[in-house]
Amino acid sequence: MKRNLYLVLALLVSCFGFSQDKISPQQALVKLKEGNQRFISGKSLKPRQDFNRIKEVSKGQNPFATIIGCSDSRVPNEIIFDQGLGDLFIVRTAGQVSSYASWGSIEFAEEVLGTKLIVVLGHSKCGAVNAAVKVPEVPGHIVTLINAIKPAVEKCKEKHHNHNHSDDEFLDAAIKENVLMQVEQLKNLEPVLAKRVREGSLLIVGGVYDLETGLVTFFE
């Protein structure tokens, strides 16, 4: 069984151009922070976005980080982190809610492409979290997103039940709690991610993007 697994991984590596020369998780996080600072300062370099880069990455990809982000159109990951083609492996759903397909994609990025940093990225004024706070009637499968976020909202209510927060303040707290719970979920996701975290080869952190300022605040 293990032999078959190694053969499959070897095939995937050959198809997708994985390189063993990877930067450390901490260095990858610094790259994201520096890119975000350039973005909010109006000094974006817009690197690795020309036609030569298109040709280069057509031969394979070597992203240095995985971003688990919200699908919100106002949070384009390559732009806010000032990165280029092939730099980031991105998995996006509303409220950055993960399920089996998302987990498989994340494990693929770590095991096959070699990304050793995973960032769970929420954002201010998140509509999915707000819906989980207000619990409205929603159509179709949208309810699955709300149900996935509800535990974070309930935990937030427990933490802040003695505080007189405004609706906006509570939403901010719920957004952060949702990110933190998703980080813990991934850190404990067996058999792949949890093992890498225990080994110390994988770093999983959370962050929140501010729609008004463009700043990403990381929780480490």
N, C-alpha and C. Protein backbone atom coordinates (compact mmCIF):
# COMPACT_ATOMS: atom_id res chain seq x y z
N MET A 1 0.83 -1.21 0.00
CA MET A 1 0.00 0.00 0.00
C MET A 1 0.86 1.25 0.00
N LYS A 2 1.90 1.23 0.89
CA LYS A 2 2.79 2.39 0.96
C LYS A 2 3.55 2.58 -0.35
N ARG A 3 3.94 1.47 -0.96
CA ARG A 3 4.66 1.55 -2.22
C ARG A 3 3.80 2.22 -3.28
N ASN A 4 2.51 1.84 -3.34
CA ASN A 4 1.60 2.46 -4.30
C ASN A 4 1.45 3.95 -4.05
N LEU A 5 1.40 4.33 -2.75
CA LEU A 5 1.28 5.74 -2.40
C LEU A 5 2.49 6.51 -2.89
N TYR A 6 3.68 5.96 -2.67
CA TYR A 6 4.90 6.64 -3.11
C TYR A 6 4.94 6.77 -4.64
N LEU A 7 4.44 5.75 -5.34
CA LEU A 7 4.42 5.81 -6.80
C LEU A 7 3.49 6.92 -7.28
N VAL A 8 2.32 7.03 -6.64
CA VAL A 8 1.37 8.08 -7.00
C VAL A 8 1.96 9.46 -6.75
N LEU A 9 2.61 9.64 -5.58
CA LEU A 9 3.22 10.93 -5.26
C LEU A 9 4.34 11.26 -6.24
N ALA A 10 5.12 10.25 -6.61
CA ALA A 10 6.20 10.48 -7.57
C ALA A 10 5.65 10.93 -8.91
N LEU A 11 4.54 10.32 -9.33
CA LEU A 11 3.90 10.70 -10.59
C LEU A 11 3.39 12.13 -10.52
N LEU A 12 2.74 12.48 -9.42
CA LEU A 12 2.23 13.84 -9.26
C LEU A 12 3.35 14.86 -9.25
N VAL A 13 4.44 14.52 -8.58
CA VAL A 13 5.59 15.43 -8.54
C VAL A 13 6.13 15.67 -9.94
N SER A 14 6.24 14.61 -10.73
CA SER A 14 6.77 14.75 -12.07
C SER A 14 5.84 15.58 -12.96
N CYS A 15 4.54 15.49 -12.69
CA CYS A 15 3.57 16.22 -13.52
C CYS A 15 3.49 17.69 -13.15
N PHE A 16 3.67 18.01 -11.87
CA PHE A 16 3.42 19.37 -11.41
C PHE A 16 4.68 20.15 -11.06
N GLY A 17 5.85 19.58 -11.27
CA GLY A 17 7.08 20.35 -11.17
C GLY A 17 7.45 20.75 -9.75
N PHE A 18 7.27 19.87 -8.79
CA PHE A 18 7.64 20.19 -7.42
C PHE A 18 9.15 20.26 -7.28
N SER A 19 9.62 21.27 -6.57
CA SER A 19 11.05 21.44 -6.32
C SER A 19 11.33 21.25 -4.85
N GLN A 20 12.43 20.57 -4.53
CA GLN A 20 12.80 20.35 -3.13
C GLN A 20 13.39 21.60 -2.50
N ASP A 21 13.82 22.57 -3.27
CA ASP A 21 14.44 23.78 -2.75
C ASP A 21 13.36 24.76 -2.29
N LYS A 22 12.87 24.53 -1.08
CA LYS A 22 11.79 25.36 -0.57
C LYS A 22 12.30 26.26 0.56
N ILE A 23 11.72 27.44 0.66
CA ILE A 23 12.04 28.31 1.77
C ILE A 23 11.32 27.79 3.02
N SER A 24 11.77 28.22 4.18
CA SER A 24 11.17 27.76 5.43
C SER A 24 9.78 28.37 5.60
N PRO A 25 8.95 27.77 6.45
CA PRO A 25 7.63 28.35 6.71
C PRO A 25 7.72 29.79 7.23
N GLN A 26 8.70 30.05 8.08
CA GLN A 26 8.86 31.39 8.63
C GLN A 26 9.27 32.39 7.55
N GLN A 27 10.14 31.97 6.65
CA GLN A 27 10.54 32.85 5.54
C GLN A 27 9.36 33.12 4.61
N ALA A 28 8.54 32.11 4.41
CA ALA A 28 7.34 32.29 3.56
C ALA A 28 6.40 33.30 4.19
N LEU A 29 6.24 33.25 5.50
CA LEU A 29 5.35 34.19 6.20
C LEU A 29 5.90 35.61 6.08
N VAL A 30 7.20 35.76 6.19
CA VAL A 30 7.83 37.08 6.03
C VAL A 30 7.57 37.62 4.62
N LYS A 31 7.64 36.76 3.60
CA LYS A 31 7.37 37.19 2.23
C LYS A 31 5.95 37.73 2.09
N LEU A 32 5.00 37.06 2.73
CA LEU A 32 3.62 37.52 2.67
C LEU A 32 3.46 38.86 3.38
N LYS A 33 4.08 39.00 4.55
CA LYS A 33 3.99 40.25 5.30
C LYS A 33 4.62 41.40 4.53
N GLU A 34 5.76 41.16 3.93
CA GLU A 34 6.44 42.21 3.16
C GLU A 34 5.61 42.60 1.94
N GLY A 35 5.01 41.61 1.28
CA GLY A 35 4.18 41.90 0.12
C GLY A 35 2.95 42.71 0.50
N ASN A 36 2.34 42.39 1.63
CA ASN A 36 1.17 43.13 2.09
C ASN A 36 1.54 44.56 2.45
N GLN A 37 2.71 44.74 3.04
CA GLN A 37 3.17 46.10 3.38
C GLN A 37 3.39 46.93 2.11
N ARG A 38 3.94 46.31 1.07
CA ARG A 38 4.10 47.02 -0.20
C ARG A 38 2.74 47.42 -0.76
N PHE A 39 1.78 46.51 -0.66
CA PHE A 39 0.44 46.75 -1.19
C PHE A 39 -0.22 47.93 -0.50
N ILE A 40 -0.22 47.94 0.84
CA ILE A 40 -0.92 49.01 1.55
C ILE A 40 -0.16 50.33 1.47
N SER A 41 1.12 50.27 1.11
CA SER A 41 1.92 51.49 0.98
C SER A 41 1.87 52.06 -0.44
N GLY A 42 1.16 51.38 -1.32
CA GLY A 42 1.10 51.82 -2.71
C GLY A 42 2.38 51.58 -3.47
N LYS A 43 3.17 50.60 -3.02
CA LYS A 43 4.47 50.31 -3.64
C LYS A 43 4.53 48.89 -4.18
N SER A 44 3.40 48.37 -4.61
CA SER A 44 3.37 47.00 -5.14
C SER A 44 4.30 46.85 -6.32
N LEU A 45 5.06 45.76 -6.32
CA LEU A 45 6.00 45.49 -7.40
C LEU A 45 5.34 44.72 -8.54
N LYS A 46 4.22 44.07 -8.25
CA LYS A 46 3.52 43.21 -9.21
C LYS A 46 4.51 42.25 -9.88
N PRO A 47 5.20 41.47 -9.04
CA PRO A 47 6.28 40.62 -9.57
C PRO A 47 5.77 39.38 -10.28
N ARG A 48 6.61 38.85 -11.14
CA ARG A 48 6.35 37.56 -11.79
C ARG A 48 4.98 37.50 -12.45
N GLN A 49 4.66 38.54 -13.19
CA GLN A 49 3.35 38.61 -13.85
C GLN A 49 3.46 38.87 -15.36
N ASP A 50 4.68 38.72 -15.91
CA ASP A 50 4.85 38.99 -17.33
C ASP A 50 4.75 37.70 -18.15
N PHE A 51 4.92 37.84 -19.45
CA PHE A 51 4.75 36.68 -20.33
C PHE A 51 5.81 35.62 -20.09
N ASN A 52 7.02 36.04 -19.73
CA ASN A 52 8.07 35.07 -19.43
C ASN A 52 7.69 34.18 -18.26
N ARG A 53 7.03 34.79 -17.28
CA ARG A 53 6.59 34.02 -16.12
C ARG A 53 5.49 33.04 -16.52
N ILE A 54 4.62 33.45 -17.43
CA ILE A 54 3.57 32.55 -17.93
C ILE A 54 4.20 31.30 -18.53
N LYS A 55 5.23 31.50 -19.35
CA LYS A 55 5.91 30.37 -19.98
C LYS A 55 6.62 29.51 -18.93
N GLU A 56 7.22 30.18 -17.94
CA GLU A 56 7.95 29.45 -16.91
C GLU A 56 7.05 28.52 -16.10
N VAL A 57 5.92 29.07 -15.63
CA VAL A 57 5.05 28.25 -14.78
C VAL A 57 4.21 27.25 -15.58
N SER A 58 4.18 27.39 -16.90
CA SER A 58 3.47 26.39 -17.69
C SER A 58 4.16 25.03 -17.60
N LYS A 59 5.43 25.04 -17.18
CA LYS A 59 6.20 23.80 -17.06
C LYS A 59 6.04 23.14 -15.69
N GLY A 60 5.47 23.86 -14.75
CA GLY A 60 5.28 23.32 -13.40
C GLY A 60 5.10 24.44 -12.41
N GLN A 61 4.62 24.10 -11.22
CA GLN A 61 4.40 25.13 -10.21
C GLN A 61 5.18 24.83 -8.94
N ASN A 62 5.53 25.89 -8.24
CA ASN A 62 6.33 25.78 -7.03
C ASN A 62 5.89 26.86 -6.04
N PRO A 63 4.61 26.87 -5.64
CA PRO A 63 4.12 27.91 -4.73
C PRO A 63 4.80 27.83 -3.37
N PHE A 64 4.99 28.98 -2.73
CA PHE A 64 5.68 28.98 -1.43
C PHE A 64 4.71 29.02 -0.26
N ALA A 65 3.41 29.21 -0.51
CA ALA A 65 2.43 29.24 0.56
C ALA A 65 1.06 28.83 0.04
N THR A 66 0.26 28.29 0.94
CA THR A 66 -1.13 27.98 0.64
C THR A 66 -2.02 28.95 1.40
N ILE A 67 -2.96 29.56 0.71
CA ILE A 67 -3.90 30.48 1.33
C ILE A 67 -5.29 29.85 1.33
N ILE A 68 -5.88 29.69 2.51
CA ILE A 68 -7.25 29.22 2.62
C ILE A 68 -8.10 30.46 2.86
N GLY A 69 -8.72 30.97 1.82
CA GLY A 69 -9.37 32.27 1.90
C GLY A 69 -10.85 32.25 1.60
N CYS A 70 -11.48 33.38 1.88
CA CYS A 70 -12.89 33.57 1.55
C CYS A 70 -13.02 33.91 0.06
N SER A 71 -14.13 33.53 -0.52
CA SER A 71 -14.35 33.78 -1.96
C SER A 71 -14.65 35.23 -2.29
N ASP A 72 -14.80 36.07 -1.28
CA ASP A 72 -15.16 37.47 -1.47
C ASP A 72 -14.30 38.13 -2.55
N SER A 73 -14.95 38.78 -3.50
CA SER A 73 -14.26 39.37 -4.65
C SER A 73 -13.34 40.52 -4.27
N ARG A 74 -13.51 41.02 -3.06
CA ARG A 74 -12.69 42.16 -2.61
C ARG A 74 -11.38 41.73 -1.97
N VAL A 75 -11.11 40.42 -1.96
CA VAL A 75 -9.90 39.92 -1.31
C VAL A 75 -9.08 39.07 -2.30
N PRO A 76 -8.55 39.69 -3.36
CA PRO A 76 -7.74 38.95 -4.33
C PRO A 76 -6.35 38.67 -3.76
N ASN A 77 -6.06 37.43 -3.46
CA ASN A 77 -4.87 37.09 -2.68
C ASN A 77 -3.55 37.53 -3.29
N GLU A 78 -3.37 37.29 -4.59
CA GLU A 78 -2.09 37.68 -5.21
C GLU A 78 -1.87 39.18 -5.14
N ILE A 79 -2.94 39.95 -5.23
CA ILE A 79 -2.81 41.42 -5.21
C ILE A 79 -2.50 41.92 -3.81
N ILE A 80 -3.23 41.45 -2.79
CA ILE A 80 -3.03 41.99 -1.44
C ILE A 80 -1.70 41.55 -0.84
N PHE A 81 -1.13 40.45 -1.36
CA PHE A 81 0.20 40.02 -0.89
C PHE A 81 1.29 40.36 -1.90
N ASP A 82 0.94 41.06 -2.98
CA ASP A 82 1.88 41.47 -4.01
C ASP A 82 2.75 40.31 -4.49
N GLN A 83 2.10 39.26 -4.96
CA GLN A 83 2.79 38.09 -5.49
C GLN A 83 2.38 37.86 -6.94
N GLY A 84 3.03 36.88 -7.57
CA GLY A 84 2.79 36.67 -8.98
C GLY A 84 2.28 35.28 -9.32
N LEU A 85 2.34 34.96 -10.60
CA LEU A 85 1.89 33.66 -11.08
C LEU A 85 2.72 32.54 -10.45
N GLY A 86 2.05 31.54 -9.94
CA GLY A 86 2.75 30.38 -9.40
C GLY A 86 3.28 30.55 -7.99
N ASP A 87 3.02 31.69 -7.35
CA ASP A 87 3.57 31.93 -6.01
C ASP A 87 2.68 31.38 -4.90
N LEU A 88 1.36 31.43 -5.09
CA LEU A 88 0.43 31.05 -4.04
C LEU A 88 -0.52 29.97 -4.52
N PHE A 89 -0.74 28.98 -3.67
CA PHE A 89 -1.74 27.95 -3.94
C PHE A 89 -2.97 28.35 -3.13
N ILE A 90 -4.09 28.60 -3.79
CA ILE A 90 -5.23 29.23 -3.13
C ILE A 90 -6.46 28.34 -3.16
N VAL A 91 -7.06 28.17 -1.99
CA VAL A 91 -8.31 27.43 -1.85
C VAL A 91 -9.32 28.40 -1.25
N ARG A 92 -10.40 28.68 -1.99
CA ARG A 92 -11.34 29.72 -1.54
C ARG A 92 -12.78 29.21 -1.52
N THR A 93 -13.44 29.46 -0.41
CA THR A 93 -14.88 29.22 -0.27
C THR A 93 -15.44 30.36 0.58
N ALA A 94 -16.74 30.58 0.53
CA ALA A 94 -17.34 31.62 1.37
C ALA A 94 -17.08 31.30 2.84
N GLY A 95 -16.59 32.29 3.58
CA GLY A 95 -16.26 32.08 4.98
C GLY A 95 -15.06 31.18 5.19
N GLN A 96 -14.29 30.94 4.11
CA GLN A 96 -13.16 30.00 4.09
C GLN A 96 -13.48 28.68 4.80
N VAL A 97 -14.73 28.22 4.63
CA VAL A 97 -15.17 26.95 5.20
C VAL A 97 -14.54 25.80 4.43
N SER A 98 -13.95 24.85 5.15
CA SER A 98 -13.29 23.72 4.51
C SER A 98 -14.15 22.47 4.59
N SER A 99 -14.05 21.65 3.56
CA SER A 99 -14.72 20.35 3.54
C SER A 99 -13.74 19.36 2.91
N TYR A 100 -14.21 18.18 2.56
CA TYR A 100 -13.30 17.14 2.06
C TYR A 100 -12.52 17.58 0.82
N ALA A 101 -13.17 18.24 -0.12
CA ALA A 101 -12.46 18.68 -1.32
C ALA A 101 -11.39 19.71 -0.98
N SER A 102 -11.73 20.62 -0.06
CA SER A 102 -10.76 21.62 0.37
C SER A 102 -9.58 20.95 1.07
N TRP A 103 -9.87 20.02 1.97
CA TRP A 103 -8.80 19.34 2.70
C TRP A 103 -7.88 18.59 1.74
N GLY A 104 -8.47 17.92 0.76
CA GLY A 104 -7.64 17.22 -0.22
C GLY A 104 -6.76 18.17 -1.00
N SER A 105 -7.30 19.33 -1.35
CA SER A 105 -6.52 20.33 -2.08
C SER A 105 -5.36 20.85 -1.24
N ILE A 106 -5.64 21.09 0.06
CA ILE A 106 -4.61 21.59 0.97
C ILE A 106 -3.51 20.55 1.14
N GLU A 107 -3.90 19.28 1.33
CA GLU A 107 -2.92 18.21 1.49
C GLU A 107 -2.11 18.03 0.21
N PHE A 108 -2.76 18.20 -0.93
CA PHE A 108 -2.05 18.11 -2.21
C PHE A 108 -0.95 19.16 -2.30
N ALA A 109 -1.29 20.39 -1.89
CA ALA A 109 -0.30 21.47 -1.94
C ALA A 109 0.87 21.19 -1.03
N GLU A 110 0.59 20.61 0.14
CA GLU A 110 1.66 20.35 1.11
C GLU A 110 2.50 19.14 0.69
N GLU A 111 1.85 18.04 0.35
CA GLU A 111 2.56 16.80 0.07
C GLU A 111 3.22 16.78 -1.30
N VAL A 112 2.54 17.33 -2.30
CA VAL A 112 3.04 17.22 -3.67
C VAL A 112 3.80 18.47 -4.11
N LEU A 113 3.24 19.65 -3.80
CA LEU A 113 3.88 20.89 -4.24
C LEU A 113 4.86 21.44 -3.22
N GLY A 114 4.78 20.96 -1.99
CA GLY A 114 5.79 21.32 -1.00
C GLY A 114 5.58 22.61 -0.26
N THR A 115 4.37 23.17 -0.27
CA THR A 115 4.15 24.39 0.50
C THR A 115 4.14 24.06 1.99
N LYS A 116 4.95 24.76 2.76
CA LYS A 116 5.09 24.47 4.19
C LYS A 116 4.49 25.56 5.07
N LEU A 117 3.78 26.49 4.45
CA LEU A 117 3.03 27.51 5.19
C LEU A 117 1.59 27.50 4.71
N ILE A 118 0.66 27.41 5.64
CA ILE A 118 -0.77 27.52 5.33
C ILE A 118 -1.32 28.70 6.12
N VAL A 119 -1.99 29.61 5.41
CA VAL A 119 -2.61 30.76 6.05
C VAL A 119 -4.12 30.67 5.87
N VAL A 120 -4.86 30.64 6.98
CA VAL A 120 -6.30 30.74 6.93
C VAL A 120 -6.65 32.22 7.00
N LEU A 121 -7.20 32.74 5.92
CA LEU A 121 -7.36 34.19 5.79
C LEU A 121 -8.84 34.59 5.78
N GLY A 122 -9.30 35.18 6.89
CA GLY A 122 -10.62 35.76 6.93
C GLY A 122 -10.55 37.23 6.53
N HIS A 123 -11.68 37.92 6.59
CA HIS A 123 -11.66 39.35 6.27
C HIS A 123 -12.77 40.07 7.01
N SER A 124 -12.61 41.34 7.20
CA SER A 124 -13.61 42.14 7.89
C SER A 124 -14.91 42.17 7.10
N LYS A 125 -16.01 42.40 7.82
CA LYS A 125 -17.35 42.49 7.21
C LYS A 125 -17.72 41.26 6.39
N CYS A 126 -17.28 40.09 6.85
CA CYS A 126 -17.54 38.86 6.11
C CYS A 126 -19.03 38.52 6.12
N GLY A 127 -19.63 38.42 4.95
CA GLY A 127 -21.05 38.16 4.84
C GLY A 127 -21.44 36.78 5.35
N ALA A 128 -20.57 35.79 5.14
CA ALA A 128 -20.88 34.43 5.59
C ALA A 128 -20.92 34.36 7.11
N VAL A 129 -19.95 34.99 7.77
CA VAL A 129 -19.94 35.00 9.24
C VAL A 129 -21.12 35.82 9.76
N ASN A 130 -21.40 36.93 9.12
CA ASN A 130 -22.53 37.77 9.53
C ASN A 130 -23.85 36.99 9.44
N ALA A 131 -23.97 36.16 8.41
CA ALA A 131 -25.17 35.34 8.27
C ALA A 131 -25.27 34.33 9.41
N ALA A 132 -24.12 33.77 9.81
CA ALA A 132 -24.11 32.82 10.92
C ALA A 132 -24.45 33.50 12.23
N VAL A 133 -24.09 34.77 12.36
CA VAL A 133 -24.42 35.54 13.57
C VAL A 133 -25.92 35.81 13.64
N LYS A 134 -26.50 36.21 12.51
CA LYS A 134 -27.90 36.61 12.48
C LYS A 134 -28.86 35.46 12.20
N VAL A 135 -28.31 34.34 11.69
CA VAL A 135 -29.07 33.13 11.39
C VAL A 135 -30.33 33.43 10.59
N PRO A 136 -30.18 33.95 9.37
CA PRO A 136 -31.35 34.22 8.53
C PRO A 136 -31.80 32.95 7.80
N GLU A 137 -32.95 33.02 7.18
CA GLU A 137 -33.39 31.94 6.30
C GLU A 137 -32.62 32.07 4.99
N VAL A 138 -31.95 31.01 4.59
CA VAL A 138 -31.15 31.06 3.36
C VAL A 138 -31.53 29.90 2.45
N PRO A 139 -31.41 30.09 1.15
CA PRO A 139 -31.80 29.03 0.22
C PRO A 139 -30.69 27.99 0.00
N GLY A 140 -31.10 26.82 -0.42
CA GLY A 140 -30.19 25.80 -0.92
C GLY A 140 -29.06 25.41 0.02
N HIS A 141 -27.88 25.24 -0.57
CA HIS A 141 -26.72 24.74 0.17
C HIS A 141 -25.99 25.82 0.96
N ILE A 142 -26.46 27.05 0.88
CA ILE A 142 -25.82 28.13 1.65
C ILE A 142 -25.86 27.81 3.14
N VAL A 143 -26.89 27.08 3.56
CA VAL A 143 -27.04 26.73 4.98
C VAL A 143 -25.85 25.91 5.48
N THR A 144 -25.21 25.15 4.59
CA THR A 144 -24.06 24.35 5.03
C THR A 144 -22.90 25.24 5.45
N LEU A 145 -22.75 26.39 4.78
CA LEU A 145 -21.71 27.35 5.17
C LEU A 145 -22.01 27.92 6.55
N ILE A 146 -23.25 28.32 6.74
CA ILE A 146 -23.65 28.92 8.02
C ILE A 146 -23.48 27.92 9.16
N ASN A 147 -23.89 26.68 8.94
CA ASN A 147 -23.76 25.66 9.98
C ASN A 147 -22.31 25.40 10.35
N ALA A 148 -21.41 25.51 9.37
CA ALA A 148 -19.98 25.29 9.64
C ALA A 148 -19.38 26.42 10.47
N ILE A 149 -19.95 27.61 10.35
CA ILE A 149 -19.42 28.78 11.05
C ILE A 149 -20.07 28.97 12.43
N LYS A 150 -21.26 28.40 12.62
CA LYS A 150 -22.01 28.59 13.87
C LYS A 150 -21.21 28.26 15.13
N PRO A 151 -20.39 27.19 15.16
CA PRO A 151 -19.63 26.89 16.38
C PRO A 151 -18.72 28.04 16.81
N ALA A 152 -18.14 28.74 15.84
CA ALA A 152 -17.29 29.89 16.16
C ALA A 152 -18.11 31.02 16.75
N VAL A 153 -19.31 31.22 16.22
CA VAL A 153 -20.20 32.27 16.74
C VAL A 153 -20.62 31.95 18.16
N GLU A 154 -20.97 30.69 18.42
CA GLU A 154 -21.39 30.29 19.77
C GLU A 154 -20.24 30.42 20.76
N LYS A 155 -19.04 30.04 20.34
CA LYS A 155 -17.87 30.18 21.20
C LYS A 155 -17.60 31.64 21.51
N CYS A 156 -17.80 32.48 20.52
CA CYS A 156 -17.60 33.91 20.69
C CYS A 156 -18.62 34.48 21.68
N LYS A 157 -19.85 33.98 21.62
CA LYS A 157 -20.88 34.43 22.56
C LYS A 157 -20.50 34.05 24.00
N GLU A 158 -19.93 32.86 24.17
CA GLU A 158 -19.50 32.41 25.50
C GLU A 158 -18.38 33.30 26.04
N LYS A 159 -17.45 33.65 25.16
CA LYS A 159 -16.31 34.46 25.59
C LYS A 159 -16.72 35.89 25.95
N HIS A 160 -17.72 36.41 25.25
CA HIS A 160 -18.05 37.83 25.37
C HIS A 160 -19.43 38.08 25.98
N HIS A 161 -19.98 37.09 26.71
CA HIS A 161 -21.36 37.24 27.18
C HIS A 161 -21.51 38.34 28.24
N ASN A 162 -20.43 38.72 28.90
CA ASN A 162 -20.51 39.78 29.91
C ASN A 162 -20.10 41.15 29.38
N HIS A 163 -19.84 41.22 28.08
CA HIS A 163 -19.39 42.48 27.48
C HIS A 163 -20.49 43.10 26.62
N ASN A 164 -20.55 44.39 26.65
CA ASN A 164 -21.54 45.11 25.84
C ASN A 164 -20.91 45.54 24.52
N HIS A 165 -20.86 44.61 23.59
CA HIS A 165 -20.26 44.91 22.30
C HIS A 165 -21.34 45.38 21.31
N SER A 166 -20.94 46.28 20.43
CA SER A 166 -21.83 46.65 19.33
C SER A 166 -21.90 45.49 18.35
N ASP A 167 -22.86 45.54 17.43
CA ASP A 167 -22.98 44.49 16.43
C ASP A 167 -21.70 44.35 15.61
N ASP A 168 -21.09 45.48 15.24
CA ASP A 168 -19.86 45.45 14.44
C ASP A 168 -18.71 44.83 15.22
N GLU A 169 -18.62 45.17 16.51
CA GLU A 169 -17.56 44.61 17.34
C GLU A 169 -17.72 43.11 17.52
N PHE A 170 -18.96 42.68 17.70
CA PHE A 170 -19.18 41.23 17.84
C PHE A 170 -18.88 40.51 16.54
N LEU A 171 -19.25 41.11 15.40
CA LEU A 171 -18.94 40.49 14.11
C LEU A 171 -17.44 40.36 13.94
N ASP A 172 -16.68 41.39 14.29
CA ASP A 172 -15.21 41.32 14.19
C ASP A 172 -14.67 40.18 15.04
N ALA A 173 -15.21 40.05 16.26
CA ALA A 173 -14.76 38.99 17.16
C ALA A 173 -15.11 37.62 16.60
N ALA A 174 -16.29 37.49 16.00
CA ALA A 174 -16.72 36.22 15.43
C ALA A 174 -15.87 35.84 14.21
N ILE A 175 -15.51 36.83 13.42
CA ILE A 175 -14.66 36.59 12.25
C ILE A 175 -13.31 36.04 12.70
N LYS A 176 -12.73 36.66 13.73
CA LYS A 176 -11.44 36.18 14.25
C LYS A 176 -11.58 34.78 14.84
N GLU A 177 -12.64 34.55 15.60
CA GLU A 177 -12.85 33.23 16.22
C GLU A 177 -13.02 32.16 15.15
N ASN A 178 -13.72 32.49 14.07
CA ASN A 178 -13.90 31.55 12.98
C ASN A 178 -12.56 31.15 12.37
N VAL A 179 -11.69 32.12 12.18
CA VAL A 179 -10.36 31.85 11.64
C VAL A 179 -9.57 30.96 12.60
N LEU A 180 -9.56 31.31 13.89
CA LEU A 180 -8.79 30.55 14.87
C LEU A 180 -9.27 29.10 14.97
N MET A 181 -10.58 28.90 14.91
CA MET A 181 -11.10 27.54 14.97
C MET A 181 -10.74 26.75 13.72
N GLN A 182 -10.73 27.42 12.57
CA GLN A 182 -10.35 26.75 11.33
C GLN A 182 -8.86 26.38 11.33
N VAL A 183 -8.04 27.24 11.92
CA VAL A 183 -6.61 26.93 12.06
C VAL A 183 -6.44 25.67 12.91
N GLU A 184 -7.13 25.60 14.04
CA GLU A 184 -7.03 24.44 14.92
C GLU A 184 -7.54 23.19 14.22
N GLN A 185 -8.59 23.34 13.43
CA GLN A 185 -9.12 22.20 12.70
C GLN A 185 -8.06 21.62 11.76
N LEU A 186 -7.38 22.49 11.04
CA LEU A 186 -6.35 22.03 10.11
C LEU A 186 -5.14 21.45 10.84
N LYS A 187 -4.78 22.05 11.95
CA LYS A 187 -3.63 21.55 12.72
C LYS A 187 -3.87 20.13 13.22
N ASN A 188 -5.13 19.78 13.42
CA ASN A 188 -5.49 18.46 13.95
C ASN A 188 -6.05 17.53 12.89
N LEU A 189 -5.90 17.91 11.62
CA LEU A 189 -6.47 17.11 10.54
C LEU A 189 -5.54 15.93 10.22
N GLU A 190 -5.97 14.75 10.57
CA GLU A 190 -5.21 13.53 10.28
C GLU A 190 -5.57 13.00 8.89
N PRO A 191 -4.67 12.26 8.25
CA PRO A 191 -3.37 11.85 8.76
C PRO A 191 -2.20 12.73 8.31
N VAL A 192 -2.45 13.66 7.42
CA VAL A 192 -1.34 14.37 6.78
C VAL A 192 -0.91 15.63 7.54
N LEU A 193 -1.83 16.60 7.67
CA LEU A 193 -1.44 17.90 8.21
C LEU A 193 -1.02 17.81 9.68
N ALA A 194 -1.77 17.07 10.47
CA ALA A 194 -1.44 16.95 11.89
C ALA A 194 -0.05 16.35 12.08
N LYS A 195 0.28 15.38 11.25
CA LYS A 195 1.60 14.75 11.33
C LYS A 195 2.70 15.76 11.02
N ARG A 196 2.50 16.56 9.96
CA ARG A 196 3.52 17.55 9.57
C ARG A 196 3.67 18.64 10.64
N VAL A 197 2.56 19.00 11.27
CA VAL A 197 2.63 19.99 12.35
C VAL A 197 3.43 19.44 13.52
N ARG A 198 3.17 18.17 13.88
CA ARG A 198 3.91 17.54 14.98
C ARG A 198 5.40 17.46 14.66
N GLU A 199 5.72 17.21 13.41
CA GLU A 199 7.12 17.12 12.99
C GLU A 199 7.81 18.49 12.99
N GLY A 200 7.01 19.55 12.94
CA GLY A 200 7.57 20.89 12.89
C GLY A 200 7.91 21.36 11.49
N SER A 201 7.48 20.61 10.46
CA SER A 201 7.80 20.98 9.08
C SER A 201 6.73 21.85 8.44
N LEU A 202 5.57 22.00 9.11
CA LEU A 202 4.46 22.75 8.55
C LEU A 202 3.98 23.79 9.57
N LEU A 203 3.79 25.02 9.09
CA LEU A 203 3.26 26.10 9.93
C LEU A 203 1.88 26.48 9.42
N ILE A 204 0.90 26.51 10.32
CA ILE A 204 -0.46 26.92 9.97
C ILE A 204 -0.83 28.11 10.85
N VAL A 205 -1.12 29.24 10.24
CA VAL A 205 -1.47 30.45 10.99
C VAL A 205 -2.74 31.05 10.42
N GLY A 206 -3.34 31.94 11.20
CA GLY A 206 -4.54 32.64 10.75
C GLY A 206 -4.26 34.12 10.54
N GLY A 207 -5.17 34.76 9.85
CA GLY A 207 -5.06 36.20 9.63
C GLY A 207 -6.39 36.76 9.19
N VAL A 208 -6.54 38.06 9.33
CA VAL A 208 -7.75 38.76 8.88
C VAL A 208 -7.36 39.96 8.04
N TYR A 209 -7.97 40.07 6.88
CA TYR A 209 -7.74 41.18 5.96
C TYR A 209 -8.77 42.27 6.23
N ASP A 210 -8.31 43.50 6.38
CA ASP A 210 -9.19 44.64 6.62
C ASP A 210 -9.59 45.25 5.28
N LEU A 211 -10.87 45.18 4.96
CA LEU A 211 -11.35 45.70 3.67
C LEU A 211 -11.11 47.19 3.51
N GLU A 212 -11.06 47.93 4.60
CA GLU A 212 -10.92 49.38 4.52
C GLU A 212 -9.47 49.85 4.40
N THR A 213 -8.55 49.09 4.95
CA THR A 213 -7.14 49.53 4.95
C THR A 213 -6.24 48.67 4.05
N GLY A 214 -6.68 47.44 3.77
CA GLY A 214 -5.84 46.53 2.98
C GLY A 214 -4.83 45.77 3.82
N LEU A 215 -4.81 46.01 5.13
CA LEU A 215 -3.82 45.38 6.00
C LEU A 215 -4.27 43.99 6.42
N VAL A 216 -3.35 43.03 6.39
CA VAL A 216 -3.59 41.69 6.92
C VAL A 216 -2.94 41.62 8.31
N THR A 217 -3.76 41.32 9.31
CA THR A 217 -3.26 41.10 10.67
C THR A 217 -3.17 39.59 10.90
N PHE A 218 -1.96 39.11 11.21
CA PHE A 218 -1.74 37.68 11.41
C PHE A 218 -1.87 37.32 12.89
N PHE A 219 -2.38 36.10 13.14
CA PHE A 219 -2.45 35.55 14.49
C PHE A 219 -1.46 34.39 14.57
N GLU A 220 -0.39 34.60 15.30
CA GLU A 220 0.67 33.57 15.36
C GLU A 220 0.79 33.01 16.77
